Amino acid sequence: MPTDAFHKLIPMTAFVIEYYSNEGYADLQTLNMMKNYANFLKKPLTLGMFIPVDSHGTLLKEPKNYASWNALKHNREAVPNENESMLFEEYKRFQKAEKKCLFKGFTMEYNGYSLIRIAASYNRAIELTFNTNDLKCKNFEDIESLTVLNDIYLDTAALKIIGIKN
């Protein structure tokens, strides 16, 4: 199985062709993965797929020094502790929301009254705009429509949904 092709968002036809060119047969696991990918592509776009939001869809601000805190292995793998301070609770809440994101490398560029604009940190030409009322994307309807952009990368949560072992 080619590793790079499956970490990038690609059209369904390319997904099937790439997989068969390397595997050459279809077993139940392969067919299940293709079904999962097809269902994944049909999901409507929401802001929480790209950047961390809470359970109500409200943007979460990255806690101060979060990157340094998250870089420590024991913070990435630790089970929540009842005795943690409110500060660590904020870090954990952000970390949990971040793990739900399906796409890698997006940052908020603008947060206004009626819209939120995000961009891919690795390619600023990839820009998406979301309505603040329903948090739906204004320029693309579903995940499949993003395949025209060619440079959208899947995060661990997306790979898990599809059934790809990372």
Protein backbone atom coordinates (compact mmCIF):
# COMPACT_ATOMS: atom_id res chain seq x y z
CA MET A 1 0.00 0.00 0.00
CA PRO A 2 1.54 3.34 -0.98
CA THR A 3 1.90 5.47 2.12
CA ASP A 4 1.99 9.00 0.68
CA ALA A 5 -1.08 8.54 -1.53
CA PHE A 6 -3.25 7.61 1.44
CA HIS A 7 -2.22 10.56 3.57
CA LYS A 8 -3.38 13.02 0.96
CA LEU A 9 -7.02 13.63 0.08
CA ILE A 10 -7.61 12.19 -3.40
CA PRO A 11 -10.68 11.50 -5.57
CA MET A 12 -12.41 8.13 -5.10
CA THR A 13 -11.32 6.86 -8.52
CA ALA A 14 -7.67 7.61 -7.74
CA PHE A 15 -8.06 5.88 -4.35
CA VAL A 16 -9.38 2.69 -6.00
CA ILE A 17 -6.77 2.71 -8.78
CA GLU A 18 -3.89 3.38 -6.35
CA TYR A 19 -4.97 0.60 -4.02
CA TYR A 20 -5.50 -2.00 -6.76
CA SER A 21 -2.24 -1.18 -8.50
CA ASN A 22 -0.45 -2.22 -5.31
CA GLU A 23 -2.70 -4.94 -3.89
CA GLY A 24 -4.18 -6.46 -7.06
CA TYR A 25 -7.21 -8.06 -5.38
CA ALA A 26 -10.20 -7.15 -3.31
CA ASP A 27 -10.89 -8.86 -0.02
CA LEU A 28 -13.53 -7.90 2.53
CA GLN A 29 -11.16 -5.51 4.31
CA THR A 30 -10.32 -3.74 1.03
CA LEU A 31 -13.97 -3.36 0.08
CA ASN A 32 -14.79 -2.07 3.56
CA MET A 33 -12.00 0.52 3.29
CA MET A 34 -13.34 1.68 -0.08
CA LYS A 35 -16.86 2.00 1.36
CA ASN A 36 -15.46 3.96 4.32
CA TYR A 37 -13.57 6.29 1.99
CA ALA A 38 -16.65 6.86 -0.18
CA ASN A 39 -18.70 7.72 2.94
CA PHE A 40 -15.87 9.94 4.19
CA LEU A 41 -15.85 11.91 0.92
CA LYS A 42 -19.60 12.58 1.20
CA LYS A 43 -19.38 14.22 4.66
CA PRO A 44 -20.42 17.89 4.62
CA LEU A 45 -17.58 20.23 5.56
CA THR A 46 -17.54 21.77 9.02
CA LEU A 47 -15.02 24.01 10.72
CA GLY A 48 -14.15 21.35 13.32
CA MET A 49 -12.69 19.16 10.59
CA PHE A 50 -9.85 21.68 10.17
CA ILE A 51 -9.26 23.50 13.46
CA PRO A 52 -10.15 22.72 17.09
CA VAL A 53 -13.68 23.60 18.20
CA ASP A 54 -15.63 22.70 21.33
CA SER A 55 -18.76 20.51 21.44
CA HIS A 56 -20.89 23.55 20.48
CA GLY A 57 -18.73 24.40 17.46
CA THR A 58 -17.11 27.40 19.13
CA LEU A 59 -13.50 28.04 18.16
CA LEU A 60 -10.97 27.10 20.80
CA LYS A 61 -8.03 29.41 21.31
CA GLU A 62 -4.71 27.58 21.50
CA PRO A 63 -3.45 27.73 25.10
CA LYS A 64 -0.23 29.61 25.76
CA ASN A 65 2.86 27.41 25.19
CA TYR A 66 0.62 24.58 23.97
CA ALA A 67 3.11 23.34 21.35
CA SER A 68 5.81 22.93 24.01
CA TRP A 69 3.40 21.26 26.44
CA ASN A 70 2.06 18.91 23.74
CA ALA A 71 5.59 17.99 22.63
CA LEU A 72 6.16 16.19 25.93
CA LYS A 73 5.33 12.52 25.46
CA HIS A 74 3.69 12.13 28.86
CA ASN A 75 1.25 14.94 28.02
CA ARG A 76 0.27 13.38 24.69
CA GLU A 77 -0.43 9.95 26.18
CA ALA A 78 -1.54 10.69 29.74
CA VAL A 79 -4.94 9.76 31.07
CA PRO A 80 -6.79 12.78 32.53
CA ASN A 81 -6.18 13.20 36.25
CA GLU A 82 -8.77 14.59 38.67
CA ASN A 83 -6.09 16.63 40.45
CA GLU A 84 -4.98 18.56 37.37
CA SER A 85 -5.17 22.32 37.57
CA MET A 86 -7.57 24.39 35.46
CA LEU A 87 -4.62 25.32 33.25
CA PHE A 88 -3.96 21.70 32.36
CA GLU A 89 -7.69 21.16 31.83
CA GLU A 90 -7.58 23.86 29.13
CA TYR A 91 -4.61 22.12 27.47
CA LYS A 92 -6.40 18.75 27.58
CA ARG A 93 -9.64 20.22 26.17
CA PHE A 94 -7.71 21.77 23.27
CA GLN A 95 -5.75 18.56 22.71
CA LYS A 96 -8.97 16.50 22.61
CA ALA A 97 -10.54 18.87 20.06
CA GLU A 98 -7.35 18.89 18.00
CA LYS A 99 -7.41 15.08 17.77
CA LYS A 100 -10.88 15.28 16.19
CA CYS A 101 -9.61 17.35 13.26
CA LEU A 102 -9.60 15.38 10.01
CA PHE A 103 -7.15 17.55 8.07
CA LYS A 104 -3.60 18.61 8.91
CA GLY A 105 -2.01 22.02 8.90
CA PHE A 106 -4.88 24.50 8.92
CA THR A 107 -4.75 27.76 10.85
CA MET A 108 -7.26 30.52 11.40
CA GLU A 109 -6.56 33.61 9.32
CA TYR A 110 -9.62 35.70 10.15
CA ASN A 111 -12.42 35.43 12.70
CA GLY A 112 -15.08 38.02 12.00
CA TYR A 113 -18.71 38.64 12.84
CA SER A 114 -20.18 36.63 9.96
CA LEU A 115 -17.32 34.51 8.67
CA ILE A 116 -14.21 32.61 9.65
CA ARG A 117 -11.39 32.15 7.16
CA ILE A 118 -8.77 29.41 7.50
CA ALA A 119 -5.76 28.55 5.36
CA ALA A 120 -3.36 25.65 4.98
CA SER A 121 -0.13 26.56 6.73
CA TYR A 122 1.86 24.73 4.04
CA ASN A 123 0.10 26.47 1.13
CA ARG A 124 -1.59 29.83 1.82
CA ALA A 125 -3.38 29.61 -1.54
CA ILE A 126 -5.62 26.95 0.02
CA GLU A 127 -8.17 29.04 1.82
CA LEU A 128 -11.62 28.09 3.11
CA THR A 129 -14.35 30.37 4.44
CA PHE A 130 -16.98 29.29 6.96
CA ASN A 131 -20.22 30.98 7.99
CA THR A 132 -20.20 31.74 11.74
CA ASN A 133 -23.91 30.87 12.12
CA ASP A 134 -23.82 27.24 11.01
CA LEU A 135 -20.02 26.72 10.67
CA LYS A 136 -20.51 25.36 7.15
CA CYS A 137 -18.01 26.04 4.39
CA LYS A 138 -19.06 28.72 1.91
CA ASN A 139 -16.87 27.66 -1.02
CA PHE A 140 -17.04 23.84 -0.83
CA GLU A 141 -19.94 21.55 0.06
CA ASP A 142 -18.38 18.26 1.08
CA ILE A 143 -14.99 16.59 1.52
CA GLU A 144 -15.06 15.25 -2.02
CA SER A 145 -15.24 18.78 -3.43
CA LEU A 146 -11.86 19.52 -1.76
CA THR A 147 -10.08 16.96 -3.97
CA VAL A 148 -9.66 19.62 -6.67
CA LEU A 149 -7.18 21.41 -4.39
CA ASN A 150 -4.60 18.56 -4.62
CA ASP A 151 -2.79 19.47 -1.39
CA ILE A 152 -5.09 18.57 1.48
CA TYR A 153 -3.53 16.19 3.99
CA LEU A 154 -5.42 13.72 6.15
CA ASP A 155 -4.84 13.62 9.88
CA THR A 156 -4.90 10.53 12.11
CA ALA A 157 -8.64 10.86 12.84
CA ALA A 158 -9.45 10.74 9.10
CA LEU A 159 -7.20 7.74 8.52
CA LYS A 160 -8.94 5.93 11.36
CA ILE A 161 -12.41 6.66 9.88
CA ILE A 162 -11.27 5.32 6.52
CA GLY A 163 -9.66 2.25 8.07
CA ILE A 164 -6.07 2.98 7.12
CA LYS A 165 -3.46 1.94 9.64
CA ASN A 166 -1.10 4.85 10.27
